[in-house]
């Protein structure tokens, strides 16, 4: 597996720092991550959302382009807005 940014490229040092800092003060925060992704359609942890990163397979290649939407999340009385990759538009082939 590897970590990619929202556009499929290599994440910056700042993004990786934002992604890993929540793990430092609370060693059991991975349990929170597991609980979070159970109800997450994109299977993306909250700290990945903060950093704008995705965990993908090592040899994964993009199959198409997709729009980037901004998703709002209310969590613990705090409202957060994150960019998220939407589902790709279906390609409609003209009839022959």
Protein backbone atom coordinates (compact mmCIF):
# COMPACT_ATOMS: atom_id res chain seq x y z
CA UNK A 1 0.00 0.00 0.00
CA UNK A 2 1.01 3.62 -0.43
CA UNK A 3 -0.35 7.03 0.51
CA UNK A 4 -1.52 9.44 -2.20
CA UNK A 5 -2.83 12.98 -2.09
CA UNK A 6 -6.31 13.91 -3.29
CA UNK A 7 -5.10 14.21 -6.90
CA UNK A 8 -3.31 10.84 -6.86
CA UNK A 9 0.21 12.23 -6.50
CA UNK A 10 2.81 12.05 -3.78
CA UNK A 11 1.74 13.79 -0.54
CA UNK A 12 3.80 16.66 0.82
CA UNK A 13 5.76 16.60 4.06
CA UNK A 14 3.11 18.85 5.64
CA UNK A 15 0.33 16.44 4.65
CA UNK A 16 2.21 13.48 6.10
CA UNK A 17 2.87 15.40 9.32
CA UNK A 18 -0.82 16.31 9.66
CA UNK A 19 -1.70 12.67 9.01
CA UNK A 20 0.63 11.24 11.66
CA UNK A 21 0.48 13.86 14.47
CA UNK A 22 -2.88 12.61 15.90
CA UNK A 23 -1.22 9.24 16.60
CA UNK A 24 1.45 10.71 18.91
CA UNK A 25 -0.48 11.84 22.01
CA UNK A 26 -2.93 8.93 22.10
CA UNK A 27 -1.44 5.55 21.23
CA UNK A 28 -4.86 3.87 21.06
CA UNK A 29 -6.24 6.34 18.50
CA UNK A 30 -6.07 3.60 15.85
CA UNK A 31 -9.19 2.17 17.55
CA UNK A 32 -10.94 5.47 16.84
CA UNK A 33 -9.79 5.17 13.21
CA UNK A 34 -11.25 1.67 12.94
CA UNK A 35 -14.55 2.84 14.43
CA UNK A 36 -14.64 5.82 12.07
CA UNK A 37 -14.11 3.91 8.81
CA UNK A 38 -16.89 1.44 9.54
CA UNK A 39 -19.48 4.11 8.68
CA UNK A 40 -17.37 5.97 6.09
CA UNK A 41 -18.31 5.30 2.44
CA UNK A 42 -14.81 6.24 1.20
CA UNK A 43 -13.11 4.09 3.92
CA UNK A 44 -10.98 7.13 4.78
CA UNK A 45 -9.95 7.90 8.37
CA UNK A 46 -10.63 11.30 9.90
CA UNK A 47 -6.91 12.08 10.01
CA UNK A 48 -6.64 11.20 6.30
CA UNK A 49 -9.46 13.65 5.66
CA UNK A 50 -7.60 16.36 7.61
CA UNK A 51 -4.44 15.72 5.62
CA UNK A 52 -6.16 15.27 2.24
CA UNK A 53 -4.62 11.83 1.72
CA UNK A 54 -5.83 8.38 0.68
CA UNK A 55 -4.35 4.93 1.25
CA UNK A 56 -4.22 3.06 -2.06
CA UNK A 57 -2.71 -0.17 -3.37
CA UNK A 58 0.95 0.02 -4.38
CA UNK A 59 0.43 -0.45 -8.12
CA UNK A 60 -2.91 1.38 -8.35
CA UNK A 61 -3.44 3.39 -11.53
CA UNK A 62 -6.23 5.95 -12.01
CA UNK A 63 -9.01 4.66 -14.25
CA UNK A 64 -10.61 8.05 -14.93
CA UNK A 65 -11.02 11.53 -13.55
CA UNK A 66 -13.58 12.47 -10.93
CA UNK A 67 -14.85 15.73 -9.48
CA UNK A 68 -13.64 16.97 -6.09
CA UNK A 69 -16.51 17.80 -3.74
CA UNK A 70 -16.42 19.46 -0.33
CA UNK A 71 -17.99 17.35 2.37
CA UNK A 72 -19.24 18.80 5.66
CA UNK A 73 -18.87 16.78 8.85
CA UNK A 74 -20.25 17.64 12.29
CA UNK A 75 -18.08 15.97 14.93
CA UNK A 76 -18.09 16.73 18.66
CA UNK A 77 -19.80 20.09 18.21
CA UNK A 78 -17.25 21.13 15.57
CA UNK A 79 -18.14 21.52 11.92
CA UNK A 80 -15.40 20.56 9.48
CA UNK A 81 -15.18 20.83 5.69
CA UNK A 82 -12.98 18.43 3.70
CA UNK A 83 -12.28 17.98 0.00
CA UNK A 84 -13.27 14.53 -1.16
CA UNK A 85 -13.02 12.75 -4.50
CA UNK A 86 -16.47 11.96 -5.86
CA UNK A 87 -17.47 9.00 -7.96
CA UNK A 88 -16.45 9.30 -11.62
CA UNK A 89 -19.03 10.32 -14.16
CA UNK A 90 -20.23 7.32 -16.21
CA UNK A 91 -18.99 7.31 -19.78
CA UNK A 92 -21.90 6.91 -22.17
CA UNK A 93 -20.98 5.36 -25.48
CA UNK A 94 -22.95 6.59 -28.49
CA UNK A 95 -24.95 3.89 -30.29
CA UNK A 96 -23.25 2.40 -33.35
